[in-house]
Amino acid sequence: MSTAPARPRASLLLLAYLAFVSLGLPDSLLGVGWPSIRGDFDVPTEAVGWVLTAGTVGYLTSSVLAGFTLARVGVGALLAGSTLLASLALTGYSVSSTLAVLVGCALLVGLGSGAVDSGLNAYAAGAFGARHMNWLHAFFGLGVAIGPLIMTGVLSAGLAWRWGYGIVAAAQLVLAVAFALTIRAWHRGVPAGVGAGVPTEAGASVQATPAAPILGVPVRDTLRLPAVWSGMLAFMLYVAIEVSAGLWAFLLLTEGRGLSAALAGGCVSAYWGSLFVGRIVQGLVAERLGAGLVLRASLAGMAVGAALIAVPGPAVLAVLGLVVVGFAAAPVFPLLTLTTAERVGAAHADRAIGLQIGASGVGAALVPTGLGVLIGNTSVQVLGSALLVLALALIALYEWGARRPTVGPPVPAVPAQPGSDPQTSGPVLPVVDGR
């Protein structure tokens, strides 16, 4: 029996959407801005690895800590402080004079972004259903689609790349003020277990009982769950594909396929835009068809798109591949996040989400950095083949997990909501759940 998700508070939902937009903006500035940045600082292409690594260290640290301390700090305060830190760090980008300063600012941006990402995902996994979860991540796609347009517009106007980061820093500051003004509202609206909701088949979220709060569960019990580690690896592979495609697409289209900088910037924005559109559309599809079917189709689509990028040919073929990858990848991250409590148990969900978000940060830095080294020593044409290998590895992990039985303690009993069916099961995630 399907149930409709409880209606979230409109003000908090709006802020959550805006926060996901703000998370996406800085991520996609670097791909378009890096050719100009490396020219200003007189560094090689692969030096972007220093920026990505620093951002990942900060992102990993704060996202994991947020998952373990969210119940103590509070969602509202975490979001306000972390967004302010990100705004200050992006301001540092805009005034940096050396690569070392830029790397230091990247560390701070990672600290702020990781906490916001982990905190919002933990909150949304318990407070929102499949539709809003996909739509929230769609707005991340909107943010990363707007980012290249901002940087392309700045460069096309003859301004320095620093202006792009300054504009985004100002937007982050406005959002930080909004979070600060609504701290109490987030506290009142937080679901029991802070993100430890158990999703139902239709995407409705049944809140975890306070009888088993995360504060009473030993950390070692969470880390012993195979589903936690399997989930982390899945997040690493997925985000490695998403970020690598967005980061190096501009270089592929300009140096590898002969497009102008303005046209290539628009195509990169189209890639991120397809992620946004895909999440809007597939947020509805996931509720009707179930997470398992949608995820399997999405992973196959990512492999097809990567193959199109890998095939030598005109630029339009690579652009088509990028759009296919973006649209197909759209529901993977939100559905993996939404079903975390089902895989690991409600009492472990906040920690698992924090660890998964942290693992995604590792994938977002290590693999794109490695690709940068590979591209610098070979050719940017290798991008498509690398994305295809990663997509096939993610499919293999998915299918391997689909054949393994669920391992770990059962999810604590949850109270049935009015009008819900207590026998309804949540969306099946074959990565770690064999049902």
Protein backbone atom coordinates (compact mmCIF):
# COMPACT_ATOMS: atom_id res chain seq x y z
CA MET A 1 0.00 0.00 0.00
CA SER A 2 1.44 3.38 -0.98
CA THR A 3 1.33 6.42 1.18
CA ALA A 4 1.95 10.04 0.35
CA PRO A 5 4.94 11.72 1.94
CA ALA A 6 4.22 14.12 4.73
CA ARG A 7 4.23 17.72 3.49
CA PRO A 8 7.51 19.37 4.56
CA ARG A 9 7.56 22.94 5.83
CA ALA A 10 7.58 25.25 2.82
CA SER A 11 10.18 27.66 4.21
CA LEU A 12 12.66 24.90 5.07
CA LEU A 13 12.07 23.14 1.77
CA LEU A 14 12.79 26.37 -0.13
CA LEU A 15 16.00 26.91 1.83
CA ALA A 16 17.02 23.30 1.23
CA TYR A 17 16.54 23.78 -2.52
CA LEU A 18 18.59 26.98 -2.49
CA ALA A 19 21.28 25.30 -0.42
CA PHE A 20 21.64 22.52 -2.99
CA VAL A 21 21.92 25.15 -5.73
CA SER A 22 24.69 26.83 -3.75
CA LEU A 23 26.50 23.51 -3.30
CA GLY A 24 26.64 23.03 -7.04
CA LEU A 25 27.84 26.49 -8.02
CA PRO A 26 31.50 26.27 -6.87
CA ASP A 27 31.91 22.71 -8.18
CA SER A 28 31.45 23.65 -11.82
CA LEU A 29 33.32 26.96 -11.84
CA LEU A 30 36.69 25.21 -11.80
CA GLY A 31 36.24 23.26 -15.06
CA VAL A 32 35.68 26.41 -17.14
CA GLY A 33 37.94 28.65 -15.08
CA TRP A 34 40.95 26.34 -14.78
CA PRO A 35 42.56 27.13 -18.16
CA SER A 36 42.61 30.80 -17.13
CA ILE A 37 43.71 30.02 -13.57
CA ARG A 38 46.61 27.84 -14.66
CA GLY A 39 47.68 30.59 -17.07
CA ASP A 40 47.66 33.23 -14.32
CA PHE A 41 49.61 31.05 -11.93
CA ASP A 42 51.82 29.49 -14.64
CA VAL A 43 51.18 25.90 -13.53
CA PRO A 44 50.61 22.71 -15.57
CA THR A 45 47.20 21.16 -16.24
CA GLU A 46 47.62 18.45 -13.63
CA ALA A 47 48.17 21.05 -10.89
CA VAL A 48 44.38 21.09 -10.55
CA GLY A 49 44.95 17.95 -8.48
CA TRP A 50 46.26 20.08 -5.61
CA VAL A 51 43.05 22.09 -5.57
CA LEU A 52 40.87 19.00 -5.78
CA THR A 53 42.83 17.14 -3.12
CA ALA A 54 42.67 20.03 -0.66
CA GLY A 55 38.95 20.39 -1.25
CA THR A 56 38.48 16.67 -0.73
CA VAL A 57 40.39 16.62 2.56
CA GLY A 58 38.15 19.38 3.89
CA TYR A 59 35.02 17.84 2.42
CA LEU A 60 35.77 14.37 3.75
CA THR A 61 36.64 15.66 7.21
CA SER A 62 33.56 17.82 7.67
CA SER A 63 31.06 15.46 6.07
CA VAL A 64 32.13 12.53 8.24
CA LEU A 65 32.22 14.66 11.39
CA ALA A 66 28.81 16.12 10.54
CA GLY A 67 27.33 12.64 10.32
CA PHE A 68 28.68 11.76 13.76
CA THR A 69 27.88 15.06 15.51
CA LEU A 70 24.70 16.23 13.80
CA ALA A 71 22.49 15.20 16.70
CA ARG A 72 24.59 17.32 19.08
CA VAL A 73 25.15 20.43 16.95
CA GLY A 74 21.74 20.81 15.35
CA VAL A 75 20.94 21.09 11.66
CA GLY A 76 20.29 24.83 11.53
CA ALA A 77 23.49 25.90 13.27
CA LEU A 78 25.54 23.48 11.18
CA LEU A 79 24.12 24.84 7.93
CA ALA A 80 24.53 28.50 8.91
CA GLY A 81 28.14 28.19 10.08
CA SER A 82 29.25 25.95 7.23
CA THR A 83 27.72 28.14 4.52
CA LEU A 84 29.39 31.22 6.01
CA LEU A 85 32.74 29.41 5.95
CA ALA A 86 32.23 28.48 2.30
CA SER A 87 31.41 32.11 1.45
CA LEU A 88 34.58 33.38 3.10
CA ALA A 89 36.68 30.73 1.37
CA LEU A 90 35.25 31.57 -2.05
CA THR A 91 36.08 35.21 -1.37
CA GLY A 92 39.61 33.98 -0.79
CA TYR A 93 39.56 32.38 -4.25
CA SER A 94 38.71 35.72 -5.80
CA VAL A 95 41.67 37.52 -4.19
CA SER A 96 44.27 34.73 -4.22
CA SER A 97 47.61 35.59 -5.77
CA THR A 98 49.27 32.16 -5.80
CA LEU A 99 48.27 28.55 -6.25
CA ALA A 100 49.15 27.88 -2.59
CA VAL A 101 46.55 30.39 -1.42
CA LEU A 102 44.00 28.90 -3.79
CA VAL A 103 44.70 25.44 -2.39
CA GLY A 104 44.21 26.71 1.16
CA CYS A 105 40.88 28.26 0.19
CA ALA A 106 39.87 24.98 -1.47
CA LEU A 107 40.41 23.24 1.87
CA LEU A 108 38.06 25.71 3.57
CA VAL A 109 35.45 25.42 0.82
CA GLY A 110 35.57 21.66 1.30
CA LEU A 111 35.07 22.00 5.05
CA GLY A 112 32.02 24.17 4.54
CA SER A 113 30.50 22.25 1.64
CA GLY A 114 30.96 18.81 3.19
CA ALA A 115 29.10 19.77 6.35
CA VAL A 116 26.25 21.36 4.41
CA ASP A 117 25.99 18.36 2.08
CA SER A 118 26.03 15.80 4.87
CA GLY A 119 23.69 17.75 7.13
CA LEU A 120 21.11 18.43 4.42
CA ASN A 121 21.19 14.86 3.10
CA ALA A 122 20.73 13.42 6.59
CA TYR A 123 17.84 15.80 7.25
CA ALA A 124 16.20 15.21 3.87
CA ALA A 125 16.53 11.41 4.06
CA GLY A 126 14.26 11.48 7.10
CA ALA A 127 12.01 14.43 6.29
CA PHE A 128 11.34 14.12 2.55
CA GLY A 129 10.19 11.39 0.20
CA ALA A 130 11.67 10.13 -3.08
CA ARG A 131 10.20 12.98 -5.13
CA HIS A 132 11.61 15.81 -3.04
CA MET A 133 14.89 13.94 -2.52
CA ASN A 134 15.41 13.73 -6.28
CA TRP A 135 14.27 17.31 -6.76
CA LEU A 136 16.65 18.56 -4.07
CA HIS A 137 19.53 16.94 -5.90
CA ALA A 138 18.11 18.29 -9.14
CA PHE A 139 18.71 21.75 -7.75
CA PHE A 140 22.32 20.74 -7.14
CA GLY A 141 22.34 19.97 -10.87
CA LEU A 142 20.85 23.41 -11.50
CA GLY A 143 23.66 24.97 -9.47
CA VAL A 144 26.38 23.16 -11.37
CA ALA A 145 24.64 24.08 -14.64
CA ILE A 146 24.60 27.76 -13.70
CA GLY A 147 28.25 27.72 -12.59
CA PRO A 148 29.78 27.32 -16.08
CA LEU A 149 27.44 30.01 -17.39
CA ILE A 150 28.61 32.41 -14.71
CA MET A 151 32.28 31.74 -15.43
CA THR A 152 31.77 31.74 -19.21
CA GLY A 153 29.88 35.05 -18.98
CA VAL A 154 32.61 36.58 -16.83
CA LEU A 155 35.39 35.50 -19.21
CA SER A 156 33.41 36.47 -22.31
CA ALA A 157 32.94 39.95 -20.83
CA GLY A 158 36.72 40.30 -20.59
CA LEU A 159 36.76 40.05 -16.80
CA ALA A 160 39.15 37.94 -14.75
CA TRP A 161 38.09 34.49 -13.56
CA ARG A 162 38.14 35.89 -10.00
CA TRP A 163 34.86 37.66 -10.62
CA GLY A 164 33.14 34.32 -11.09
CA TYR A 165 34.14 33.18 -7.62
CA GLY A 166 33.26 36.57 -6.14
CA ILE A 167 29.71 36.35 -7.47
CA VAL A 168 29.22 32.88 -6.00
CA ALA A 169 30.75 33.99 -2.67
CA ALA A 170 28.12 36.74 -2.41
CA ALA A 171 25.32 34.24 -3.07
CA GLN A 172 26.68 31.95 -0.35
CA LEU A 173 26.75 34.83 2.12
CA VAL A 174 23.07 35.59 1.52
CA LEU A 175 22.22 31.94 2.10
CA ALA A 176 24.27 31.83 5.32
CA VAL A 177 22.25 34.74 6.68
CA ALA A 178 19.02 32.95 5.77
CA PHE A 179 20.15 29.82 7.63
CA ALA A 180 21.15 31.87 10.66
CA LEU A 181 17.71 33.48 10.79
CA THR A 182 15.95 30.10 10.67
CA ILE A 183 18.04 28.04 13.11
CA ARG A 184 15.10 27.50 15.46
CA ALA A 185 12.81 26.49 12.61
CA TRP A 186 15.23 23.76 11.55
CA HIS A 187 15.36 22.53 15.14
CA ARG A 188 11.59 22.39 15.41
CA GLY A 189 11.23 20.73 12.03
CA VAL A 190 13.93 18.09 12.47
CA PRO A 191 12.56 14.55 12.30
CA ALA A 192 13.19 12.01 15.03
CA GLY A 193 16.61 10.48 14.42
CA VAL A 194 17.66 13.40 12.20
CA GLY A 195 17.57 11.73 8.85
CA ALA A 196 17.04 8.22 10.07
CA GLY A 197 13.70 7.88 8.36
CA VAL A 198 12.69 4.59 6.80
CA PRO A 199 11.35 5.26 3.30
CA THR A 200 8.26 3.43 2.10
CA GLU A 201 7.55 2.08 -1.35
CA ALA A 202 5.99 5.33 -2.55
CA GLY A 203 8.79 7.40 -1.10
CA ALA A 204 6.96 8.36 2.08
CA SER A 205 9.25 8.70 5.06
CA VAL A 206 8.33 6.90 8.26
CA GLN A 207 10.34 8.50 11.01
CA ALA A 208 12.65 6.45 13.17
CA THR A 209 11.65 5.97 16.74
CA PRO A 210 13.52 8.03 19.31
CA ALA A 211 13.91 4.82 21.32
CA ALA A 212 17.17 4.10 19.48
CA PRO A 213 18.89 7.47 19.04
CA ILE A 214 22.20 7.61 17.29
CA LEU A 215 23.85 8.89 20.48
CA GLY A 216 23.26 5.48 22.09
CA VAL A 217 24.77 3.38 19.30
CA PRO A 218 28.51 2.64 19.50
CA VAL A 219 30.52 3.92 16.54
CA ARG A 220 32.16 0.54 16.07
CA ASP A 221 28.75 -1.04 15.43
CA THR A 222 28.20 1.30 12.51
CA LEU A 223 31.66 0.66 11.08
CA ARG A 224 31.17 -3.12 11.27
CA LEU A 225 28.27 -3.10 8.82
CA PRO A 226 29.30 -4.36 5.35
CA ALA A 227 26.50 -2.25 3.86
CA VAL A 228 28.22 0.90 5.11
CA TRP A 229 31.45 0.11 3.26
CA SER A 230 29.70 -1.13 0.13
CA GLY A 231 27.66 2.06 0.06
CA MET A 232 30.78 4.18 0.42
CA LEU A 233 32.42 2.45 -2.56
CA ALA A 234 29.30 2.94 -4.68
CA PHE A 235 29.27 6.66 -3.87
CA MET A 236 32.97 6.95 -4.72
CA LEU A 237 32.53 5.42 -8.15
CA TYR A 238 29.40 7.35 -9.00
CA VAL A 239 30.74 10.77 -8.03
CA ALA A 240 34.05 10.04 -9.74
CA ILE A 241 32.13 9.71 -13.02
CA GLU A 242 29.93 12.74 -12.45
CA VAL A 243 32.76 15.08 -11.48
CA SER A 244 35.31 13.79 -14.02
CA ALA A 245 32.89 14.35 -16.88
CA GLY A 246 32.05 17.86 -15.73
CA LEU A 247 35.62 18.88 -14.94
CA TRP A 248 37.37 17.71 -18.11
CA ALA A 249 34.56 18.12 -20.66
CA PHE A 250 35.55 21.72 -21.40
CA LEU A 251 39.12 20.69 -22.19
CA LEU A 252 37.90 17.75 -24.30
CA LEU A 253 35.56 19.91 -26.36
CA THR A 254 38.05 22.74 -26.92
CA GLU A 255 41.42 21.01 -27.32
CA GLY A 256 40.12 17.60 -28.38
CA ARG A 257 37.11 18.40 -30.57
CA GLY A 258 37.85 21.94 -31.74
CA LEU A 259 34.93 23.89 -30.24
CA SER A 260 35.28 27.55 -29.26
CA ALA A 261 35.55 28.36 -25.57
CA ALA A 262 32.10 30.02 -25.48
CA LEU A 263 30.38 27.10 -27.20
CA ALA A 264 32.22 24.51 -25.11
CA GLY A 265 31.23 26.35 -21.91
CA GLY A 266 27.59 26.18 -23.00
CA CYS A 267 27.93 22.46 -23.68
CA VAL A 268 29.40 21.84 -20.23
CA SER A 269 26.45 23.72 -18.80
CA ALA A 270 24.17 21.47 -20.89
CA TYR A 271 25.79 18.44 -19.24
CA TRP A 272 25.02 19.75 -15.77
CA GLY A 273 21.60 20.89 -16.97
CA SER A 274 20.77 17.35 -18.07
CA LEU A 275 21.51 16.26 -14.51
CA PHE A 276 18.98 18.83 -13.29
CA VAL A 277 16.29 17.83 -15.81
CA GLY A 278 16.89 14.13 -15.18
CA ARG A 279 16.32 14.50 -11.47
CA ILE A 280 13.12 16.46 -11.96
CA VAL A 281 11.73 13.85 -14.34
CA GLN A 282 13.04 10.77 -12.57
CA GLY A 283 11.94 11.96 -9.16
CA LEU A 284 8.43 11.10 -10.35
CA VAL A 285 9.51 7.93 -12.15
CA ALA A 286 11.28 6.51 -9.09
CA GLU A 287 8.10 6.74 -7.04
CA ARG A 288 6.16 4.76 -9.65
CA LEU A 289 8.69 2.15 -10.75
CA GLY A 290 10.81 1.68 -7.63
CA ALA A 291 14.44 2.47 -6.93
CA GLY A 292 15.87 -0.86 -8.10
CA LEU A 293 14.62 -0.63 -11.67
CA VAL A 294 15.45 3.06 -12.00
CA LEU A 295 18.98 2.59 -10.66
CA ARG A 296 19.73 -0.33 -12.98
CA ALA A 297 18.51 1.59 -16.03
CA SER A 298 20.46 4.67 -14.96
CA LEU A 299 23.74 2.81 -14.60
CA ALA A 300 23.32 1.28 -18.05
CA GLY A 301 22.60 4.72 -19.49
CA MET A 302 25.77 6.12 -17.93
CA ALA A 303 27.81 3.42 -19.67
CA VAL A 304 26.14 4.18 -23.03
CA GLY A 305 26.86 7.90 -22.66
CA ALA A 306 30.48 7.23 -21.75
CA ALA A 307 30.84 5.04 -24.83
CA LEU A 308 29.57 7.89 -27.02
CA ILE A 309 32.21 10.20 -25.52
CA ALA A 310 34.91 7.59 -26.10
CA VAL A 311 34.11 7.10 -29.80
CA PRO A 312 36.35 9.29 -32.00
CA GLY A 313 34.22 11.62 -34.07
CA PRO A 314 32.70 15.07 -34.33
CA ALA A 315 32.11 17.25 -31.28
CA VAL A 316 28.35 16.69 -31.44
CA LEU A 317 28.88 13.02 -30.58
CA ALA A 318 30.82 13.89 -27.42
CA VAL A 319 28.22 16.49 -26.44
CA LEU A 320 25.44 13.92 -26.92
CA GLY A 321 27.37 11.48 -24.74
CA LEU A 322 27.78 14.08 -22.02
CA VAL A 323 24.05 14.83 -22.01
CA VAL A 324 23.22 11.11 -21.86
CA VAL A 325 25.62 10.59 -18.95
CA GLY A 326 24.11 13.53 -17.09
CA PHE A 327 20.49 12.51 -17.60
CA ALA A 328 21.15 8.85 -16.79
CA ALA A 329 23.20 9.65 -13.69
CA ALA A 330 20.52 11.98 -12.33
CA PRO A 331 18.69 9.71 -9.83
CA VAL A 332 21.65 7.65 -8.62
CA PHE A 333 22.98 9.88 -5.83
CA PRO A 334 19.59 10.85 -4.34
CA LEU A 335 18.21 7.30 -4.42
CA LEU A 336 21.36 5.88 -2.84
CA THR A 337 21.04 8.49 -0.10
CA LEU A 338 17.30 8.06 0.39
CA THR A 339 17.58 4.31 0.93
CA THR A 340 20.51 4.46 3.34
CA ALA A 341 18.39 3.82 6.46
CA GLU A 342 16.90 0.74 4.82
CA ARG A 343 20.34 -0.70 4.11
CA VAL A 344 22.11 0.00 7.40
CA GLY A 345 19.29 0.49 9.93
CA ALA A 346 17.72 3.69 11.16
CA ALA A 347 20.06 4.03 14.14
CA HIS A 348 23.11 4.08 11.86
CA ALA A 349 21.70 6.18 9.02
CA ASP A 350 23.15 9.60 9.96
CA ARG A 351 26.65 8.18 10.35
CA ALA A 352 26.39 6.11 7.19
CA ILE A 353 25.22 9.13 5.19
CA GLY A 354 28.12 11.17 6.53
CA LEU A 355 30.57 8.42 5.58
CA GLN A 356 29.01 8.05 2.14
CA ILE A 357 29.15 11.79 1.50
CA GLY A 358 32.78 11.76 2.62
CA ALA A 359 33.55 8.83 0.33
CA SER A 360 31.94 10.69 -2.54
CA GLY A 361 34.36 13.53 -1.87
CA VAL A 362 37.27 11.11 -2.16
CA GLY A 363 35.92 9.90 -5.49
CA ALA A 364 35.42 13.49 -6.61
CA ALA A 365 39.08 14.32 -6.10
CA LEU A 366 41.24 11.24 -6.53
CA VAL A 367 39.83 10.04 -9.84
CA PRO A 368 39.59 13.45 -11.59
CA THR A 369 43.09 14.21 -10.35
CA GLY A 370 44.37 10.91 -11.71
CA LEU A 371 42.66 11.66 -14.99
CA GLY A 372 44.36 15.05 -15.06
CA VAL A 373 47.73 13.38 -14.77
CA LEU A 374 46.77 10.86 -17.45
CA ILE A 375 45.50 13.60 -19.77
CA GLY A 376 48.62 15.70 -19.19
CA ASN A 377 50.84 12.79 -20.19
CA THR A 378 48.73 11.45 -23.06
CA SER A 379 45.72 13.20 -24.56
CA VAL A 380 42.37 14.53 -23.42
CA GLN A 381 40.80 11.99 -25.80
CA VAL A 382 41.33 9.36 -23.08
CA LEU A 383 38.48 10.87 -21.04
CA GLY A 384 35.68 8.86 -22.68
CA SER A 385 37.44 5.53 -22.24
CA ALA A 386 38.15 6.27 -18.58
CA LEU A 387 34.51 7.18 -17.93
CA LEU A 388 33.39 3.95 -19.60
CA VAL A 389 35.67 1.85 -17.38
CA LEU A 390 34.33 3.58 -14.27
CA ALA A 391 30.71 3.12 -15.38
CA LEU A 392 31.24 -0.59 -16.00
CA ALA A 393 32.91 -0.95 -12.59
CA LEU A 394 29.90 0.67 -10.92
CA ILE A 395 27.53 -1.69 -12.74
CA ALA A 396 29.62 -4.66 -11.60
CA LEU A 397 29.47 -3.45 -7.99
CA TYR A 398 25.72 -3.00 -8.26
CA GLU A 399 25.15 -6.49 -9.63
CA TRP A 400 27.53 -8.04 -7.10
CA GLY A 401 25.65 -6.42 -4.27
CA ALA A 402 22.31 -7.54 -5.70
CA ARG A 403 23.33 -11.14 -5.11
CA ARG A 404 24.38 -10.67 -1.49
CA PRO A 405 21.96 -11.04 1.40
CA THR A 406 21.40 -8.14 3.72
CA VAL A 407 23.94 -8.19 6.55
CA GLY A 408 23.67 -6.39 9.86
CA PRO A 409 21.20 -5.83 12.68
CA PRO A 410 17.58 -5.28 11.80
CA VAL A 411 16.18 -1.78 11.52
CA PRO A 412 14.61 -0.73 14.85
CA ALA A 413 10.84 -0.91 14.94
CA VAL A 414 9.18 2.28 13.77
CA PRO A 415 5.73 3.56 14.60
CA ALA A 416 3.22 3.34 11.78
CA GLN A 417 2.02 6.70 10.55
CA PRO A 418 -1.70 7.38 10.20
CA GLY A 419 -2.98 5.89 6.96
CA SER A 420 0.20 3.92 6.26
CA ASP A 421 0.67 0.20 5.83
CA PRO A 422 3.21 -1.17 8.34
CA GLN A 423 3.96 -4.04 5.98
CA THR A 424 5.08 -1.77 3.16
CA SER A 425 8.73 -2.17 2.31
CA GLY A 426 11.03 0.61 1.17
CA PRO A 427 12.63 0.98 -2.23
CA VAL A 428 15.01 -1.90 -2.85
CA LEU A 429 18.64 -1.00 -3.42
CA PRO A 430 20.35 -4.01 -4.99
CA VAL A 431 23.82 -2.59 -4.31
CA VAL A 432 23.77 -3.99 -0.80
CA ASP A 433 20.32 -5.51 -0.36
CA GLY A 434 19.54 -8.86 -1.93
CA ARG A 435 15.77 -8.64 -1.69
